[in-house]
Structure formats: C-alpha cells, structure tokens
Amino acid sequence: QVQLVESGGGLVQAGGSLRLSCAASGRAFNMYGMGWFRQAPGKERDSVAAINWNGANTYYADSVKGRFTISRDNAKNTVYLQMNSLKTEDTAVYYCAARWQGDGSSYGTSWYDGFRYDFWGQGTQVAVSS
C-alpha cells in the first residue's frame, strides 16, 4: 500500500508560480512511476505530467510543456510539480498518483492513462486568477 498526500496548492495570479508536493508513505516508493493529474469543475480528469521510477524519464501533456516540471526525490519519498507561467485554464484540483513499475511494463506509452495507476492522493486545489 502507498498513501499519497498532496500539498502546495493555493490561489495565484496568472503568470505566477506554484510548486506542488506529493509525499508518499509505504513501501518501495522508488518502484513506482508517479503522475500528476488534474480535474477542473465540470470536466474530465486530465493527465498533466509523469516521471518514471528513477526520474530518468519525464512526460508532459502538450498544454503544460515548457511551463511545468515534474521531479522526484526518492530519498524523501516525494514527487514535485513546479508550475510556472500559470494560466487561468490551469485552475483545477491536482492529484498525484502512483503506478507500480516493478513488473517492467512500459510506462512511457501509457503514462497518461489514469486507470493504470494504483494509488491516488486526495488532491490539492489550484486556482489561477486573471
């Protein structure tokens, strides 16, 4: 079992920055790929970014490329999402999720598929004002 707790959300003006954190507890954090997803009111959940188990590979949705950066610190069991140049359309609840990579399955071709993730956090609200 892995428990995930997000933090760092808040209200920010357009053009500003926020850094989200996701702290994991449980075993073998470094065997999980980690993803960030978001859901705006009345909309479906969207993938945002993901990072593989050792941080060597990162993946981004087109809408956030060049503005968001995902990273992880396996010594601290934490994954981060640095969000710069925020836009009003980035307003959403942001969730982190963990996906087991111990079976050697390919991560890069399906990182965006939320249904393949095993554990989810409770979410943190990000609101971007104009």
Foldseek 3Di string as FASTA:
>chain_A
DKAKAKDWADEEAAQAKIKMKIAIDDPDLLQWKKFKWWDAPPGDIWTAKIAHSVRPDIDGDPVQPPFWDWGDDVVRRMIMIIGGRDDQVVWTWMKMFIAGCPVVDDCVVCVTPPVRTDDMYPTDTHGYHD
